[in-house]
N, C-alpha and C. Protein backbone atom coordinates (compact mmCIF):
# COMPACT_ATOMS: atom_id res chain seq x y z
N MET A 1 -25.57 -46.93 -17.79
CA MET A 1 -24.84 -46.96 -18.82
C MET A 1 -24.52 -45.86 -19.84
N ILE A 2 -23.39 -45.01 -19.42
CA ILE A 2 -23.02 -43.90 -20.63
C ILE A 2 -23.41 -44.39 -21.92
N ASP A 3 -23.51 -43.61 -22.73
CA ASP A 3 -23.61 -43.57 -24.28
C ASP A 3 -21.99 -42.60 -25.02
N LYS A 4 -21.11 -43.77 -24.82
CA LYS A 4 -20.00 -42.93 -25.65
C LYS A 4 -20.08 -42.22 -27.00
N LYS A 5 -20.50 -42.85 -27.66
CA LYS A 5 -21.03 -42.17 -28.85
C LYS A 5 -21.58 -40.95 -28.69
N LYS A 6 -22.73 -40.81 -28.05
CA LYS A 6 -23.29 -39.86 -27.60
C LYS A 6 -22.02 -38.27 -26.92
N ILE A 7 -21.30 -38.76 -25.98
CA ILE A 7 -20.61 -37.99 -25.55
C ILE A 7 -19.52 -37.59 -26.31
N VAL A 8 -19.04 -38.37 -27.22
CA VAL A 8 -17.88 -37.78 -28.16
C VAL A 8 -18.33 -37.00 -29.03
N GLU A 9 -19.67 -37.13 -29.73
CA GLU A 9 -20.33 -36.26 -30.69
C GLU A 9 -19.99 -35.04 -30.15
N GLN A 10 -21.05 -34.94 -28.79
CA GLN A 10 -20.96 -33.86 -28.44
C GLN A 10 -19.81 -32.93 -27.82
N TRP A 11 -18.45 -33.68 -27.56
CA TRP A 11 -17.57 -33.08 -27.48
C TRP A 11 -16.85 -32.77 -28.78
N ILE A 12 -16.81 -33.35 -29.82
CA ILE A 12 -16.55 -33.01 -31.15
C ILE A 12 -17.53 -31.28 -31.15
N LYS A 13 -18.79 -31.94 -31.17
CA LYS A 13 -19.50 -30.33 -31.53
C LYS A 13 -19.23 -29.31 -31.02
N ASP A 14 -18.91 -29.31 -29.38
CA ASP A 14 -18.21 -28.37 -28.48
C ASP A 14 -16.88 -27.60 -28.97
N ASN A 15 -16.19 -28.66 -29.52
CA ASN A 15 -15.05 -28.57 -29.03
C ASN A 15 -13.94 -28.30 -30.41
N GLY A 16 -14.74 -29.67 -31.42
CA GLY A 16 -14.13 -29.38 -32.87
C GLY A 16 -12.51 -29.89 -32.72
N ALA A 17 -12.07 -29.68 -34.02
CA ALA A 17 -10.40 -29.85 -34.57
C ALA A 17 -9.90 -31.33 -33.96
N ALA A 18 -11.13 -32.53 -33.85
CA ALA A 18 -10.23 -33.59 -33.67
C ALA A 18 -10.92 -34.88 -33.91
N SER A 19 -10.86 -36.18 -34.04
CA SER A 19 -11.33 -36.99 -34.57
C SER A 19 -10.73 -38.21 -33.85
N PHE A 20 -11.04 -39.21 -33.28
CA PHE A 20 -10.87 -40.00 -32.21
C PHE A 20 -11.30 -41.94 -33.16
N ASP A 21 -10.21 -42.60 -33.13
CA ASP A 21 -10.36 -44.03 -33.36
C ASP A 21 -9.99 -44.53 -32.17
N PHE A 22 -11.17 -44.77 -31.71
CA PHE A 22 -11.11 -46.12 -30.68
C PHE A 22 -10.71 -47.15 -30.39
N LYS A 23 -10.48 -47.78 -31.98
CA LYS A 23 -10.07 -49.22 -31.62
C LYS A 23 -8.42 -48.99 -31.78
N LYS A 24 -8.09 -48.13 -32.48
CA LYS A 24 -6.42 -48.03 -32.63
C LYS A 24 -5.71 -47.14 -31.01
N LYS A 25 -7.00 -46.47 -30.65
CA LYS A 25 -6.52 -45.25 -29.82
C LYS A 25 -5.99 -44.44 -30.08
N ASP A 26 -6.20 -44.02 -31.20
CA ASP A 26 -5.53 -42.97 -31.76
C ASP A 26 -6.47 -41.31 -31.91
N ILE A 27 -5.69 -40.34 -31.86
CA ILE A 27 -6.67 -39.08 -31.97
C ILE A 27 -5.72 -38.33 -33.33
N TRP A 28 -6.79 -37.91 -33.79
CA TRP A 28 -6.51 -37.26 -34.99
C TRP A 28 -6.92 -36.06 -35.00
N LEU A 29 -5.76 -34.88 -34.98
CA LEU A 29 -6.25 -33.67 -35.01
C LEU A 29 -6.00 -32.93 -36.60
N TRP A 30 -6.89 -31.92 -36.67
CA TRP A 30 -6.67 -31.70 -38.36
C TRP A 30 -6.11 -30.59 -38.40
N ASP A 31 -5.48 -30.32 -39.59
CA ASP A 31 -4.90 -28.93 -39.94
C ASP A 31 -5.91 -27.69 -39.92
N GLY A 32 -5.69 -26.62 -39.38
CA GLY A 32 -6.26 -25.43 -39.49
C GLY A 32 -7.20 -25.11 -38.03
N GLY A 33 -6.92 -26.15 -37.11
CA GLY A 33 -8.00 -26.20 -36.10
C GLY A 33 -7.15 -25.50 -34.67
N LEU A 34 -6.29 -26.19 -34.08
CA LEU A 34 -5.46 -26.10 -33.24
C LEU A 34 -4.21 -25.50 -33.77
N PHE A 35 -3.60 -25.78 -34.87
CA PHE A 35 -2.55 -25.82 -35.32
C PHE A 35 -2.53 -25.32 -36.78
N SER A 36 -1.65 -25.24 -37.35
CA SER A 36 -1.32 -25.19 -38.85
C SER A 36 -0.40 -26.52 -39.47
N VAL A 37 -0.51 -26.53 -40.57
CA VAL A 37 0.55 -28.19 -40.95
C VAL A 37 1.40 -27.46 -42.03
N GLU A 38 2.39 -26.94 -42.25
CA GLU A 38 3.15 -26.09 -43.36
C GLU A 38 4.20 -27.12 -43.81
N LYS A 39 4.44 -27.16 -45.06
CA LYS A 39 5.62 -27.91 -45.57
C LYS A 39 6.78 -26.88 -46.15
N GLU A 40 8.02 -27.43 -45.57
CA GLU A 40 9.51 -27.11 -45.67
C GLU A 40 10.44 -27.83 -46.29
N PRO A 41 11.01 -27.17 -47.35
CA PRO A 41 11.67 -27.53 -48.20
C PRO A 41 13.20 -28.02 -47.84
N VAL A 42 13.82 -29.06 -47.81
CA VAL A 42 14.99 -29.37 -47.08
C VAL A 42 15.76 -30.22 -47.97
N MET A 43 16.99 -29.86 -47.79
CA MET A 43 17.94 -30.64 -48.41
C MET A 43 18.71 -31.99 -47.83
N ARG A 44 18.29 -33.11 -48.54
CA ARG A 44 18.76 -34.58 -47.35
C ARG A 44 19.98 -35.27 -48.27
N SER A 45 20.59 -35.79 -47.57
CA SER A 45 21.69 -37.13 -48.14
C SER A 45 20.51 -38.02 -48.02
N LYS A 46 21.34 -39.00 -48.86
CA LYS A 46 20.71 -40.43 -48.86
C LYS A 46 21.64 -41.21 -48.28
N VAL A 47 21.05 -42.18 -47.48
CA VAL A 47 22.14 -43.44 -46.28
C VAL A 47 22.92 -44.18 -47.46
N ILE A 48 23.97 -44.45 -47.71
CA ILE A 48 24.30 -45.50 -48.78
C ILE A 48 25.09 -46.84 -48.11
N GLY A 49 25.03 -46.91 -46.71
CA GLY A 49 25.44 -47.99 -46.23
C GLY A 49 26.13 -47.48 -44.60
N HIS A 50 27.06 -48.88 -44.05
CA HIS A 50 27.09 -48.58 -42.80
C HIS A 50 28.66 -49.09 -42.75
N LYS A 51 29.29 -48.85 -41.34
CA LYS A 51 30.81 -49.09 -41.36
C LYS A 51 30.85 -49.39 -40.10
N LYS A 52 31.60 -50.59 -39.93
CA LYS A 52 31.90 -51.12 -38.23
C LYS A 52 32.90 -50.26 -37.80
N LEU A 53 32.90 -49.43 -36.66
CA LEU A 53 34.09 -49.07 -36.03
C LEU A 53 35.05 -50.08 -35.19
N PRO A 54 36.10 -50.00 -34.65
CA PRO A 54 36.97 -50.69 -34.12
C PRO A 54 36.39 -50.50 -32.53
N ASN A 55 35.50 -49.79 -32.19
CA ASN A 55 35.14 -49.49 -31.02
C ASN A 55 33.62 -50.27 -30.69
N GLY A 56 33.06 -51.47 -31.65
CA GLY A 56 31.75 -51.45 -31.71
C GLY A 56 30.62 -51.09 -32.26
N MET A 57 31.00 -49.98 -32.23
CA MET A 57 30.09 -48.71 -32.77
C MET A 57 30.10 -48.66 -34.87
N THR A 58 28.61 -48.57 -34.88
CA THR A 58 28.68 -48.17 -36.16
C THR A 58 28.70 -46.84 -37.07
N GLU A 59 28.88 -46.60 -37.91
CA GLU A 59 29.22 -45.47 -38.62
C GLU A 59 27.80 -45.32 -39.72
N VAL A 60 27.23 -44.36 -40.13
CA VAL A 60 26.06 -44.29 -41.15
C VAL A 60 27.05 -43.40 -42.25
N LEU A 61 26.78 -44.04 -43.43
CA LEU A 61 27.37 -43.42 -44.48
C LEU A 61 26.50 -42.62 -44.99
N PHE A 62 26.91 -41.46 -45.47
CA PHE A 62 25.52 -40.77 -46.67
C PHE A 62 26.40 -40.42 -47.75
N SER A 63 25.54 -40.35 -48.99
CA SER A 63 26.31 -39.79 -49.91
C SER A 63 26.52 -38.33 -50.03
N LYS A 64 27.16 -37.63 -51.12
CA LYS A 64 27.69 -36.63 -50.72
C LYS A 64 26.80 -35.73 -51.83
N LYS A 65 25.63 -36.47 -52.61
CA LYS A 65 24.79 -35.76 -53.38
C LYS A 65 23.89 -35.49 -52.59
N LYS A 66 23.13 -34.43 -52.80
CA LYS A 66 22.20 -33.83 -51.97
C LYS A 66 20.86 -33.97 -52.64
N TYR A 67 19.63 -34.28 -52.29
CA TYR A 67 18.25 -33.99 -53.05
C TYR A 67 17.30 -33.40 -52.16
N LYS A 68 16.27 -32.78 -52.88
CA LYS A 68 15.22 -32.12 -52.28
C LYS A 68 14.10 -32.74 -51.71
N ASP A 69 13.95 -32.37 -50.52
CA ASP A 69 12.72 -33.06 -49.62
C ASP A 69 11.91 -32.04 -49.28
N PHE A 70 10.84 -32.89 -48.51
CA PHE A 70 9.98 -31.65 -47.64
C PHE A 70 9.81 -32.37 -46.18
N ASP A 71 9.77 -31.12 -45.32
CA ASP A 71 9.66 -31.88 -43.85
C ASP A 71 8.04 -31.22 -43.56
N LEU A 72 7.33 -31.90 -43.23
CA LEU A 72 5.84 -31.19 -42.57
C LEU A 72 6.18 -30.69 -41.17
N LYS A 73 5.66 -29.45 -40.84
CA LYS A 73 5.80 -29.16 -39.51
C LYS A 73 4.61 -28.62 -38.93
N ALA A 74 4.19 -28.72 -37.52
CA ALA A 74 2.74 -28.21 -37.07
C ALA A 74 3.43 -27.03 -36.05
N VAL A 75 2.62 -25.87 -36.71
CA VAL A 75 2.58 -24.55 -36.34
C VAL A 75 1.70 -24.11 -34.83
N PHE A 76 1.83 -24.24 -34.11
CA PHE A 76 0.96 -23.76 -32.77
C PHE A 76 1.17 -22.04 -32.60
N TRP A 77 0.60 -21.61 -32.29
CA TRP A 77 0.46 -19.89 -32.14
C TRP A 77 0.34 -19.66 -30.43
N MET A 78 1.33 -18.79 -30.17
CA MET A 78 1.91 -18.55 -29.09
C MET A 78 0.47 -17.87 -27.98
N GLU A 79 0.24 -17.40 -28.74
CA GLU A 79 -0.96 -16.66 -28.14
C GLU A 79 -2.15 -17.46 -27.62
N GLU A 80 -2.25 -18.29 -28.43
CA GLU A 80 -3.07 -19.56 -28.41
C GLU A 80 -3.05 -20.76 -27.35
N LEU A 81 -1.64 -20.52 -26.83
CA LEU A 81 -0.97 -21.54 -26.41
C LEU A 81 -1.81 -21.98 -25.01
N ASP A 82 -2.47 -21.11 -24.24
CA ASP A 82 -2.99 -21.21 -23.02
C ASP A 82 -4.47 -22.27 -23.67
N GLU A 83 -5.02 -21.75 -24.37
CA GLU A 83 -6.03 -22.21 -24.98
C GLU A 83 -6.25 -23.49 -25.50
N THR A 84 -5.04 -23.69 -26.05
CA THR A 84 -4.56 -25.05 -26.76
C THR A 84 -4.38 -25.88 -25.34
N ILE A 85 -3.84 -25.70 -24.38
CA ILE A 85 -3.77 -26.66 -23.15
C ILE A 85 -4.81 -26.67 -22.56
N ASN A 86 -5.79 -25.65 -22.33
CA ASN A 86 -7.14 -26.11 -21.99
C ASN A 86 -7.94 -27.18 -22.94
N TYR A 87 -7.81 -26.78 -24.29
CA TYR A 87 -8.42 -28.02 -25.27
C TYR A 87 -8.19 -29.43 -24.57
N PHE A 88 -6.53 -29.57 -24.74
CA PHE A 88 -6.28 -31.11 -23.95
C PHE A 88 -6.92 -31.56 -23.01
N GLN A 89 -6.76 -30.68 -21.90
CA GLN A 89 -7.54 -30.86 -20.67
C GLN A 89 -8.77 -31.13 -21.08
N ARG A 90 -9.81 -30.69 -21.67
CA ARG A 90 -10.84 -31.17 -21.88
C ARG A 90 -11.10 -32.45 -22.49
N MET A 91 -10.00 -32.55 -23.62
CA MET A 91 -10.02 -34.17 -24.08
C MET A 91 -9.73 -35.07 -23.16
N LYS A 92 -8.60 -34.66 -22.58
CA LYS A 92 -8.27 -35.74 -21.35
C LYS A 92 -9.67 -35.83 -20.76
N LYS A 93 -10.18 -35.00 -20.01
CA LYS A 93 -11.39 -35.23 -18.67
C LYS A 93 -12.30 -36.02 -19.74
N MET A 94 -12.78 -35.73 -20.92
CA MET A 94 -13.77 -36.74 -21.89
C MET A 94 -13.45 -38.45 -21.96
N LEU A 95 -12.02 -38.53 -22.16
CA LEU A 95 -11.48 -39.53 -22.40
C LEU A 95 -11.49 -40.33 -21.05
N ASN A 96 -10.69 -39.91 -19.94
CA ASN A 96 -10.67 -40.56 -18.71
C ASN A 96 -12.46 -40.78 -18.42
N LYS A 97 -13.27 -39.72 -18.64
CA LYS A 97 -14.87 -40.25 -18.50
C LYS A 97 -15.14 -41.69 -19.24
N LEU A 98 -14.46 -41.78 -20.32
CA LEU A 98 -15.23 -42.83 -21.26
C LEU A 98 -14.23 -44.03 -21.23
N GLY A 99 -13.20 -44.25 -19.86
CA GLY A 99 -12.67 -44.85 -19.20
C GLY A 99 -11.26 -45.49 -20.20
N TYR A 100 -10.54 -44.19 -20.55
CA TYR A 100 -9.32 -44.29 -21.32
C TYR A 100 -8.35 -43.77 -20.52
N LYS A 101 -7.21 -44.40 -20.71
CA LYS A 101 -6.19 -43.94 -19.68
C LYS A 101 -5.36 -43.05 -20.31
N THR A 102 -4.96 -41.66 -19.89
CA THR A 102 -4.32 -40.92 -20.99
C THR A 102 -2.91 -40.58 -20.20
N GLY A 103 -2.58 -41.42 -18.91
CA GLY A 103 -0.93 -40.84 -18.36
C GLY A 103 -0.30 -42.10 -18.29
N HIS A 104 -0.54 -43.11 -19.30
CA HIS A 104 0.44 -44.07 -18.97
C HIS A 104 1.30 -44.53 -20.62
N LYS A 105 2.36 -44.88 -20.51
CA LYS A 105 2.75 -45.39 -22.07
C LYS A 105 1.87 -46.95 -22.31
N HIS A 106 2.06 -46.59 -23.73
CA HIS A 106 1.35 -47.67 -24.11
C HIS A 106 2.27 -49.08 -24.69
N GLY A 107 3.50 -48.47 -24.87
CA GLY A 107 4.07 -49.91 -25.79
C GLY A 107 4.09 -49.94 -27.09
N ARG A 108 3.87 -48.75 -27.89
CA ARG A 108 3.59 -48.91 -29.12
C ARG A 108 4.98 -48.49 -29.82
N LYS A 109 5.23 -48.94 -31.06
CA LYS A 109 6.42 -48.70 -31.60
C LYS A 109 6.23 -47.91 -32.74
């Protein structure tokens, strides 16, 4: 029988930049490993209501007043795209070895 914990620990030691939550089937990628997370200021309008249209559709109504907000974006470096793809291929191989299917939808919302 394979020791899943040992395989994962060795993979992280060799590859880094990720953690795994096998109960939730989540992968966490950390800022600064494969990519950088940057905060970008944006101006948004608040949703103030909905209006039914004659064709059965609904129009979303926004306030005219804007407020300052922030978006987070992940920045990948073009020069490292091939290595990033290889990283995910190594991750897929390790997860498949542990019995996790990586090629189908999971039905999460």
